[in-house]
Amino acid sequence: MRRFLITLPVLAALLLAGCGNDGQLNDAGGQAAEATLLPSGTPPQAADITQSTREIAFDIDGIADPIVNDEIKDSLKEALGGIVNEDLEQFNRAFTTPELAKANEYGFKSGGGIIFTGVDYISDQPEGRVVMNVNYNWITADGEERSDSPNYWFMESKEGKWGLVTID
């Protein structure tokens, strides 16, 4: 009986560990599947990135949501292209004002490898804002692997041109 009482908790712990999903959320609180994938149909994983791989692995022009106009796509290409090219000036051109660009330079990633894998959330927000959730896998210059999905917010400027206003 004593052996049974010791074995039962161990078996329960093993069973629970084996049934886990590595912390991935698949319900409403988790991320939706990528809207845009690589031509092969699968997004790259962090393990596929090398220190030198820097790319946009999805077709920005292929984003088919009607609230995403060509100016928004061009702004997103400029921002992500600036990161891929490690070109801060190019990144900053994506923003509607130089002040907003300066305030959002924390979103500029340099060093290591980075792959932008897709957009999985697009929403039309109040006051004429459009938000996109952009996914990426990054290996820092120190070799640390990270995945993130920041929101890129777009608005129309006073001059009537759409551009990036913030990243959060």
N, C-alpha and C. Protein backbone atom coordinates (compact mmCIF):
# COMPACT_ATOMS: atom_id res chain seq x y z
N MET A 1 0.83 -1.19 0.00
CA MET A 1 0.00 0.00 0.00
C MET A 1 0.87 1.25 0.00
N ARG A 2 1.94 1.23 0.78
CA ARG A 2 2.83 2.37 0.87
C ARG A 2 3.47 2.66 -0.49
N ARG A 3 3.88 1.60 -1.20
CA ARG A 3 4.48 1.74 -2.52
C ARG A 3 3.48 2.39 -3.48
N PHE A 4 2.22 2.00 -3.40
CA PHE A 4 1.17 2.56 -4.24
C PHE A 4 1.01 4.05 -4.00
N LEU A 5 1.01 4.48 -2.73
CA LEU A 5 0.86 5.88 -2.39
C LEU A 5 2.03 6.74 -2.88
N ILE A 6 3.19 6.16 -2.98
CA ILE A 6 4.36 6.89 -3.49
C ILE A 6 4.33 6.92 -5.01
N THR A 7 3.94 5.83 -5.64
CA THR A 7 3.94 5.72 -7.09
C THR A 7 2.85 6.55 -7.73
N LEU A 8 1.70 6.67 -7.10
CA LEU A 8 0.56 7.38 -7.67
C LEU A 8 0.88 8.84 -8.01
N PRO A 9 1.45 9.62 -7.09
CA PRO A 9 1.77 11.01 -7.45
C PRO A 9 2.81 11.12 -8.56
N VAL A 10 3.77 10.20 -8.58
CA VAL A 10 4.79 10.22 -9.63
C VAL A 10 4.14 9.95 -10.98
N LEU A 11 3.27 8.97 -11.05
CA LEU A 11 2.58 8.67 -12.30
C LEU A 11 1.69 9.82 -12.74
N ALA A 12 1.02 10.43 -11.80
CA ALA A 12 0.16 11.58 -12.12
C ALA A 12 0.99 12.73 -12.70
N ALA A 13 2.14 13.01 -12.11
CA ALA A 13 3.01 14.08 -12.61
C ALA A 13 3.52 13.77 -14.01
N LEU A 14 3.90 12.53 -14.26
CA LEU A 14 4.37 12.14 -15.59
C LEU A 14 3.25 12.25 -16.62
N LEU A 15 2.05 11.83 -16.24
CA LEU A 15 0.92 11.91 -17.14
C LEU A 15 0.61 13.36 -17.50
N LEU A 16 0.60 14.23 -16.52
CA LEU A 16 0.33 15.64 -16.78
C LEU A 16 1.41 16.26 -17.63
N ALA A 17 2.65 15.93 -17.39
CA ALA A 17 3.75 16.48 -18.19
C ALA A 17 3.65 16.01 -19.63
N GLY A 18 3.27 14.76 -19.84
CA GLY A 18 3.16 14.21 -21.18
C GLY A 18 1.99 14.77 -21.96
N CYS A 19 0.97 15.27 -21.26
CA CYS A 19 -0.21 15.80 -21.93
C CYS A 19 -0.09 17.29 -22.22
N GLY A 20 0.96 17.91 -21.80
CA GLY A 20 1.13 19.35 -22.00
C GLY A 20 1.31 19.69 -23.45
N ASN A 21 1.19 21.00 -23.75
CA ASN A 21 1.39 21.47 -25.11
C ASN A 21 2.46 22.54 -25.16
N ASP A 22 3.48 22.37 -24.34
CA ASP A 22 4.63 23.28 -24.31
C ASP A 22 4.24 24.73 -24.08
N GLY A 23 3.16 24.96 -23.34
CA GLY A 23 2.76 26.31 -23.00
C GLY A 23 2.02 27.04 -24.11
N GLN A 24 1.68 26.37 -25.21
CA GLN A 24 1.00 27.03 -26.31
C GLN A 24 -0.48 27.13 -26.00
N LEU A 25 -1.06 28.28 -26.28
CA LEU A 25 -2.48 28.48 -26.08
C LEU A 25 -3.19 28.28 -27.39
N ASN A 26 -4.20 27.44 -27.40
CA ASN A 26 -4.94 27.17 -28.63
C ASN A 26 -6.37 27.66 -28.56
N ASP A 27 -6.75 28.30 -27.47
CA ASP A 27 -8.10 28.80 -27.36
C ASP A 27 -8.14 30.26 -27.74
N ALA A 28 -9.19 30.96 -27.37
CA ALA A 28 -9.36 32.36 -27.75
C ALA A 28 -8.25 33.24 -27.20
N GLY A 29 -7.60 32.84 -26.12
CA GLY A 29 -6.53 33.64 -25.56
C GLY A 29 -5.21 33.48 -26.28
N GLY A 30 -5.08 32.50 -27.15
CA GLY A 30 -3.84 32.26 -27.87
C GLY A 30 -3.83 33.00 -29.19
N GLN A 31 -2.72 32.89 -29.87
CA GLN A 31 -2.61 33.55 -31.16
C GLN A 31 -3.32 32.73 -32.22
N ALA A 32 -3.89 33.42 -33.18
CA ALA A 32 -4.48 32.75 -34.33
C ALA A 32 -3.36 32.29 -35.25
N ALA A 33 -3.69 31.42 -36.17
CA ALA A 33 -2.69 30.97 -37.14
C ALA A 33 -2.26 32.14 -38.02
N GLU A 34 -1.06 32.08 -38.53
CA GLU A 34 -0.56 33.14 -39.40
C GLU A 34 -1.45 33.28 -40.62
N ALA A 35 -1.77 34.53 -40.97
CA ALA A 35 -2.61 34.78 -42.12
C ALA A 35 -1.82 34.63 -43.41
N THR A 36 -0.53 34.86 -43.34
CA THR A 36 0.30 34.78 -44.52
C THR A 36 1.49 33.91 -44.20
N LEU A 37 1.74 32.90 -45.03
CA LEU A 37 2.81 31.96 -44.76
C LEU A 37 3.84 31.99 -45.87
N LEU A 38 4.93 31.28 -45.65
CA LEU A 38 5.93 31.11 -46.69
C LEU A 38 5.33 30.35 -47.86
N PRO A 39 5.96 30.44 -49.04
CA PRO A 39 5.44 29.69 -50.19
C PRO A 39 5.25 28.21 -49.90
N SER A 40 6.06 27.63 -49.03
CA SER A 40 5.92 26.21 -48.71
C SER A 40 4.69 25.94 -47.85
N GLY A 41 4.07 27.00 -47.32
CA GLY A 41 2.87 26.85 -46.51
C GLY A 41 3.12 26.74 -45.03
N THR A 42 4.38 26.81 -44.60
CA THR A 42 4.67 26.72 -43.18
C THR A 42 5.55 27.87 -42.75
N PRO A 43 5.27 28.45 -41.60
CA PRO A 43 6.11 29.55 -41.13
C PRO A 43 7.44 29.00 -40.62
N PRO A 44 8.51 29.77 -40.75
CA PRO A 44 9.79 29.31 -40.22
C PRO A 44 9.75 29.32 -38.70
N GLN A 45 10.49 28.45 -38.08
CA GLN A 45 10.59 28.40 -36.64
C GLN A 45 11.87 29.10 -36.21
N ALA A 46 11.94 29.44 -34.95
CA ALA A 46 13.12 30.13 -34.43
C ALA A 46 14.38 29.31 -34.69
N ALA A 47 14.27 27.99 -34.65
CA ALA A 47 15.44 27.15 -34.87
C ALA A 47 15.94 27.24 -36.31
N ASP A 48 15.10 27.71 -37.25
CA ASP A 48 15.50 27.85 -38.65
C ASP A 48 16.31 29.11 -38.91
N ILE A 49 16.38 29.99 -37.94
CA ILE A 49 17.07 31.26 -38.12
C ILE A 49 18.54 31.08 -37.76
N THR A 50 19.39 31.67 -38.58
CA THR A 50 20.80 31.72 -38.23
C THR A 50 21.13 33.14 -37.83
N GLN A 51 22.32 33.34 -37.34
CA GLN A 51 22.73 34.69 -36.94
C GLN A 51 22.67 35.67 -38.11
N SER A 52 22.78 35.18 -39.34
CA SER A 52 22.83 36.08 -40.48
C SER A 52 21.52 36.16 -41.26
N THR A 53 20.53 35.32 -40.96
CA THR A 53 19.27 35.34 -41.68
C THR A 53 18.44 36.54 -41.24
N ARG A 54 18.12 37.41 -42.19
CA ARG A 54 17.28 38.57 -41.93
C ARG A 54 16.35 38.70 -43.13
N GLU A 55 15.05 38.43 -42.90
CA GLU A 55 14.13 38.48 -44.05
C GLU A 55 12.69 38.69 -43.63
N ILE A 56 11.91 39.12 -44.60
CA ILE A 56 10.46 39.18 -44.48
C ILE A 56 9.96 37.95 -45.22
N ALA A 57 9.46 36.96 -44.50
CA ALA A 57 9.10 35.67 -45.07
C ALA A 57 7.61 35.55 -45.38
N PHE A 58 6.98 36.66 -45.67
CA PHE A 58 5.59 36.64 -46.10
C PHE A 58 5.37 37.79 -47.06
N ASP A 59 4.30 37.70 -47.83
CA ASP A 59 4.00 38.68 -48.87
C ASP A 59 3.13 39.80 -48.30
N ILE A 60 3.75 40.94 -48.03
CA ILE A 60 3.00 42.07 -47.49
C ILE A 60 1.94 42.52 -48.49
N ASP A 61 2.29 42.54 -49.78
CA ASP A 61 1.31 42.94 -50.80
C ASP A 61 0.14 41.96 -50.88
N GLY A 62 0.33 40.74 -50.39
CA GLY A 62 -0.71 39.73 -50.41
C GLY A 62 -1.72 39.86 -49.28
N ILE A 63 -1.52 40.81 -48.37
CA ILE A 63 -2.50 41.03 -47.30
C ILE A 63 -3.78 41.52 -47.96
N ALA A 64 -4.85 40.76 -47.82
CA ALA A 64 -6.07 41.02 -48.57
C ALA A 64 -7.17 41.71 -47.78
N ASP A 65 -6.91 42.11 -46.56
CA ASP A 65 -7.93 42.77 -45.75
C ASP A 65 -8.25 44.14 -46.37
N PRO A 66 -9.53 44.45 -46.58
CA PRO A 66 -9.90 45.72 -47.24
C PRO A 66 -9.52 46.98 -46.45
N ILE A 67 -9.28 46.86 -45.15
CA ILE A 67 -8.89 48.06 -44.39
C ILE A 67 -7.40 48.36 -44.53
N VAL A 68 -6.64 47.45 -45.13
CA VAL A 68 -5.20 47.65 -45.32
C VAL A 68 -4.98 48.15 -46.74
N ASN A 69 -4.82 49.48 -46.87
CA ASN A 69 -4.62 50.06 -48.19
C ASN A 69 -3.14 50.01 -48.60
N ASP A 70 -2.85 50.45 -49.80
CA ASP A 70 -1.48 50.39 -50.32
C ASP A 70 -0.51 51.24 -49.51
N GLU A 71 -0.96 52.38 -48.99
CA GLU A 71 -0.07 53.22 -48.17
C GLU A 71 0.32 52.51 -46.87
N ILE A 72 -0.62 51.80 -46.27
CA ILE A 72 -0.33 51.03 -45.06
C ILE A 72 0.66 49.92 -45.38
N LYS A 73 0.44 49.21 -46.48
CA LYS A 73 1.37 48.16 -46.90
C LYS A 73 2.76 48.73 -47.15
N ASP A 74 2.83 49.88 -47.83
CA ASP A 74 4.14 50.50 -48.10
C ASP A 74 4.83 50.90 -46.79
N SER A 75 4.07 51.41 -45.85
CA SER A 75 4.63 51.80 -44.56
C SER A 75 5.16 50.58 -43.80
N LEU A 76 4.39 49.49 -43.82
CA LEU A 76 4.83 48.26 -43.17
C LEU A 76 6.09 47.72 -43.84
N LYS A 77 6.12 47.74 -45.18
CA LYS A 77 7.32 47.28 -45.90
C LYS A 77 8.54 48.11 -45.52
N GLU A 78 8.35 49.42 -45.39
CA GLU A 78 9.45 50.31 -45.03
C GLU A 78 9.97 50.00 -43.63
N ALA A 79 9.06 49.82 -42.68
CA ALA A 79 9.47 49.52 -41.30
C ALA A 79 10.18 48.18 -41.20
N LEU A 80 9.55 47.13 -41.73
CA LEU A 80 10.15 45.80 -41.64
C LEU A 80 11.42 45.71 -42.48
N GLY A 81 11.42 46.35 -43.64
CA GLY A 81 12.61 46.38 -44.49
C GLY A 81 13.76 47.08 -43.80
N GLY A 82 13.47 48.15 -43.07
CA GLY A 82 14.51 48.85 -42.32
C GLY A 82 15.13 47.96 -41.26
N ILE A 83 14.31 47.16 -40.61
CA ILE A 83 14.82 46.24 -39.60
C ILE A 83 15.67 45.16 -40.26
N VAL A 84 15.14 44.56 -41.33
CA VAL A 84 15.87 43.50 -42.04
C VAL A 84 17.21 44.01 -42.56
N ASN A 85 17.21 45.23 -43.09
CA ASN A 85 18.43 45.82 -43.65
C ASN A 85 19.30 46.49 -42.60
N GLU A 86 18.82 46.50 -41.35
CA GLU A 86 19.50 47.20 -40.26
C GLU A 86 19.77 48.66 -40.64
N ASP A 87 18.73 49.28 -41.20
CA ASP A 87 18.79 50.65 -41.70
C ASP A 87 17.78 51.50 -40.92
N LEU A 88 18.26 52.20 -39.91
CA LEU A 88 17.38 52.99 -39.04
C LEU A 88 16.66 54.10 -39.82
N GLU A 89 17.31 54.71 -40.79
CA GLU A 89 16.66 55.76 -41.59
C GLU A 89 15.48 55.20 -42.36
N GLN A 90 15.64 54.02 -42.96
CA GLN A 90 14.55 53.38 -43.68
C GLN A 90 13.41 53.06 -42.71
N PHE A 91 13.73 52.51 -41.57
CA PHE A 91 12.73 52.20 -40.54
C PHE A 91 11.95 53.46 -40.17
N ASN A 92 12.66 54.55 -39.93
CA ASN A 92 12.02 55.80 -39.51
C ASN A 92 11.12 56.40 -40.58
N ARG A 93 11.40 56.15 -41.86
CA ARG A 93 10.55 56.67 -42.95
C ARG A 93 9.15 56.08 -42.93
N ALA A 94 8.95 54.98 -42.23
CA ALA A 94 7.63 54.34 -42.15
C ALA A 94 6.65 55.16 -41.32
N PHE A 95 7.15 56.02 -40.46
CA PHE A 95 6.31 56.77 -39.52
C PHE A 95 5.77 58.06 -40.14
N THR A 96 4.65 58.52 -39.61
CA THR A 96 4.01 59.73 -40.15
C THR A 96 4.76 61.00 -39.79
N THR A 97 5.51 60.99 -38.67
CA THR A 97 6.30 62.17 -38.29
C THR A 97 7.65 61.73 -37.74
N PRO A 98 8.65 62.60 -37.84
CA PRO A 98 9.96 62.28 -37.26
C PRO A 98 9.89 62.07 -35.75
N GLU A 99 9.00 62.79 -35.08
CA GLU A 99 8.86 62.65 -33.63
C GLU A 99 8.36 61.25 -33.25
N LEU A 100 7.38 60.76 -34.01
CA LEU A 100 6.88 59.41 -33.75
C LEU A 100 7.95 58.36 -34.07
N ALA A 101 8.71 58.60 -35.12
CA ALA A 101 9.80 57.68 -35.46
C ALA A 101 10.81 57.60 -34.32
N LYS A 102 11.22 58.74 -33.80
CA LYS A 102 12.19 58.78 -32.70
C LYS A 102 11.64 58.06 -31.46
N ALA A 103 10.36 58.30 -31.16
CA ALA A 103 9.74 57.70 -29.97
C ALA A 103 9.60 56.17 -30.10
N ASN A 104 9.64 55.64 -31.31
CA ASN A 104 9.44 54.21 -31.53
C ASN A 104 10.69 53.47 -31.96
N GLU A 105 11.84 54.08 -31.81
CA GLU A 105 13.08 53.43 -32.22
C GLU A 105 13.38 52.17 -31.40
N TYR A 106 12.72 52.00 -30.27
CA TYR A 106 12.89 50.77 -29.49
C TYR A 106 12.41 49.56 -30.29
N GLY A 107 11.56 49.76 -31.29
CA GLY A 107 11.06 48.67 -32.14
C GLY A 107 12.04 48.25 -33.21
N PHE A 108 13.13 48.99 -33.35
CA PHE A 108 14.16 48.68 -34.34
C PHE A 108 15.06 47.59 -33.78
N LYS A 109 15.17 46.47 -34.49
CA LYS A 109 15.98 45.34 -34.05
C LYS A 109 17.21 45.23 -34.93
N SER A 110 18.38 45.23 -34.33
CA SER A 110 19.61 45.06 -35.11
C SER A 110 20.47 43.99 -34.47
N GLY A 111 21.36 43.45 -35.25
CA GLY A 111 22.23 42.37 -34.77
C GLY A 111 21.50 41.05 -34.78
N GLY A 112 22.20 39.98 -35.04
CA GLY A 112 21.60 38.66 -35.05
C GLY A 112 20.75 38.44 -36.28
N GLY A 113 19.87 37.44 -36.22
CA GLY A 113 18.99 37.11 -37.33
C GLY A 113 17.55 37.37 -36.95
N ILE A 114 16.73 37.73 -37.95
CA ILE A 114 15.31 37.97 -37.70
C ILE A 114 14.51 37.56 -38.92
N ILE A 115 13.40 36.90 -38.68
CA ILE A 115 12.48 36.52 -39.76
C ILE A 115 11.08 36.98 -39.36
N PHE A 116 10.50 37.84 -40.19
CA PHE A 116 9.11 38.24 -40.00
C PHE A 116 8.26 37.18 -40.68
N THR A 117 7.39 36.54 -39.90
CA THR A 117 6.67 35.36 -40.38
C THR A 117 5.24 35.60 -40.82
N GLY A 118 4.66 36.72 -40.50
CA GLY A 118 3.29 36.97 -40.95
C GLY A 118 2.54 37.93 -40.06
N VAL A 119 1.31 38.15 -40.46
CA VAL A 119 0.38 39.02 -39.73
C VAL A 119 -0.80 38.13 -39.35
N ASP A 120 -1.15 38.12 -38.06
CA ASP A 120 -2.27 37.26 -37.68
C ASP A 120 -3.45 38.00 -37.09
N TYR A 121 -3.41 39.31 -37.11
CA TYR A 121 -4.54 40.08 -36.57
C TYR A 121 -4.53 41.44 -37.24
N ILE A 122 -5.64 41.82 -37.80
CA ILE A 122 -5.80 43.14 -38.41
C ILE A 122 -7.14 43.67 -37.92
N SER A 123 -7.15 44.92 -37.45
CA SER A 123 -8.40 45.46 -36.92
C SER A 123 -8.52 46.95 -37.23
N ASP A 124 -9.72 47.34 -37.55
CA ASP A 124 -10.07 48.74 -37.75
C ASP A 124 -10.48 49.30 -36.39
N GLN A 125 -9.71 50.24 -35.88
CA GLN A 125 -9.93 50.79 -34.54
C GLN A 125 -10.63 52.15 -34.61
N PRO A 126 -11.20 52.61 -33.50
CA PRO A 126 -11.84 53.93 -33.48
C PRO A 126 -10.84 55.03 -33.87
N GLU A 127 -11.38 56.15 -34.26
CA GLU A 127 -10.60 57.34 -34.62
C GLU A 127 -9.68 57.08 -35.82
N GLY A 128 -10.10 56.22 -36.74
CA GLY A 128 -9.37 56.02 -37.98
C GLY A 128 -8.02 55.32 -37.85
N ARG A 129 -7.90 54.43 -36.89
CA ARG A 129 -6.64 53.70 -36.71
C ARG A 129 -6.80 52.27 -37.21
N VAL A 130 -5.71 51.74 -37.74
CA VAL A 130 -5.65 50.34 -38.17
C VAL A 130 -4.51 49.69 -37.41
N VAL A 131 -4.75 48.54 -36.82
CA VAL A 131 -3.72 47.84 -36.06
C VAL A 131 -3.48 46.46 -36.68
N MET A 132 -2.20 46.10 -36.77
CA MET A 132 -1.79 44.78 -37.27
C MET A 132 -0.85 44.14 -36.26
N ASN A 133 -1.03 42.87 -36.02
CA ASN A 133 -0.15 42.10 -35.15
C ASN A 133 0.86 41.40 -36.06
N VAL A 134 2.14 41.79 -35.96
CA VAL A 134 3.19 41.28 -36.84
C VAL A 134 4.07 40.30 -36.05
N ASN A 135 4.21 39.09 -36.56
CA ASN A 135 4.97 38.04 -35.88
C ASN A 135 6.39 37.96 -36.41
N TYR A 136 7.33 37.72 -35.48
CA TYR A 136 8.70 37.49 -35.91
C TYR A 136 9.42 36.56 -34.95
N ASN A 137 10.47 35.93 -35.47
CA ASN A 137 11.41 35.13 -34.70
C ASN A 137 12.75 35.83 -34.81
N TRP A 138 13.45 35.95 -33.69
CA TRP A 138 14.68 36.73 -33.65
C TRP A 138 15.73 35.99 -32.85
N ILE A 139 16.94 35.95 -33.39
CA ILE A 139 18.10 35.51 -32.63
C ILE A 139 18.92 36.77 -32.38
N THR A 140 19.06 37.15 -31.14
CA THR A 140 19.78 38.37 -30.79
C THR A 140 21.26 38.20 -31.12
N ALA A 141 21.98 39.29 -31.09
CA ALA A 141 23.42 39.26 -31.33
C ALA A 141 24.12 38.36 -30.30
N ASP A 142 23.50 38.19 -29.14
CA ASP A 142 24.05 37.31 -28.09
C ASP A 142 23.66 35.85 -28.27
N GLY A 143 22.86 35.54 -29.30
CA GLY A 143 22.45 34.17 -29.56
C GLY A 143 21.17 33.73 -28.87
N GLU A 144 20.49 34.64 -28.19
CA GLU A 144 19.23 34.31 -27.51
C GLU A 144 18.09 34.27 -28.52
N GLU A 145 17.28 33.21 -28.48
CA GLU A 145 16.14 33.08 -29.39
C GLU A 145 14.90 33.70 -28.75
N ARG A 146 14.21 34.51 -29.55
CA ARG A 146 12.98 35.16 -29.07
C ARG A 146 11.93 35.13 -30.17
N SER A 147 10.69 35.09 -29.77
CA SER A 147 9.56 35.24 -30.68
C SER A 147 8.67 36.33 -30.10
N ASP A 148 8.11 37.16 -30.97
CA ASP A 148 7.25 38.23 -30.49
C ASP A 148 6.21 38.55 -31.55
N SER A 149 5.19 39.27 -31.15
CA SER A 149 4.10 39.67 -32.04
C SER A 149 3.61 41.06 -31.65
N PRO A 150 4.42 42.10 -31.89
CA PRO A 150 3.97 43.44 -31.52
C PRO A 150 2.86 43.95 -32.44
N ASN A 151 2.11 44.90 -31.94
CA ASN A 151 1.08 45.57 -32.73
C ASN A 151 1.69 46.77 -33.42
N TYR A 152 1.45 46.88 -34.71
CA TYR A 152 1.86 48.04 -35.50
C TYR A 152 0.59 48.85 -35.77
N TRP A 153 0.60 50.10 -35.33
CA TRP A 153 -0.57 50.97 -35.44
C TRP A 153 -0.35 51.98 -36.57
N PHE A 154 -1.37 52.14 -37.43
CA PHE A 154 -1.29 53.04 -38.57
C PHE A 154 -2.43 54.05 -38.49
N MET A 155 -2.14 55.27 -38.91
CA MET A 155 -3.15 56.33 -38.99
C MET A 155 -2.86 57.20 -40.20
N GLU A 156 -3.86 57.95 -40.57
CA GLU A 156 -3.69 58.91 -41.65
C GLU A 156 -3.13 60.21 -41.06
N SER A 157 -2.11 60.76 -41.71
CA SER A 157 -1.48 62.00 -41.23
C SER A 157 -2.36 63.21 -41.56
N LYS A 158 -1.97 64.36 -41.05
CA LYS A 158 -2.68 65.60 -41.36
C LYS A 158 -2.67 65.89 -42.85
N GLU A 159 -1.64 65.39 -43.53
CA GLU A 159 -1.51 65.59 -44.97
C GLU A 159 -2.32 64.57 -45.77
N GLY A 160 -2.98 63.62 -45.07
CA GLY A 160 -3.82 62.64 -45.73
C GLY A 160 -3.09 61.38 -46.19
N LYS A 161 -1.88 61.15 -45.70
CA LYS A 161 -1.12 59.96 -46.07
C LYS A 161 -1.08 59.00 -44.88
N TRP A 162 -1.35 57.71 -45.14
CA TRP A 162 -1.31 56.70 -44.10
C TRP A 162 0.12 56.32 -43.79
N GLY A 163 0.40 56.10 -42.49
CA GLY A 163 1.72 55.67 -42.09
C GLY A 163 1.68 55.10 -40.67
N LEU A 164 2.82 54.60 -40.25
CA LEU A 164 2.97 54.01 -38.93
C LEU A 164 3.01 55.11 -37.88
N VAL A 165 2.31 54.89 -36.75
CA VAL A 165 2.34 55.87 -35.66
C VAL A 165 2.94 55.31 -34.38
N THR A 166 2.80 54.00 -34.16
CA THR A 166 3.41 53.41 -32.96
C THR A 166 3.51 51.90 -33.09
N ILE A 167 4.40 51.34 -32.29
CA ILE A 167 4.56 49.89 -32.19
C ILE A 167 4.46 49.56 -30.70
N ASP A 168 3.59 48.65 -30.36
CA ASP A 168 3.51 48.23 -28.94
C ASP A 168 3.34 46.76 -28.78
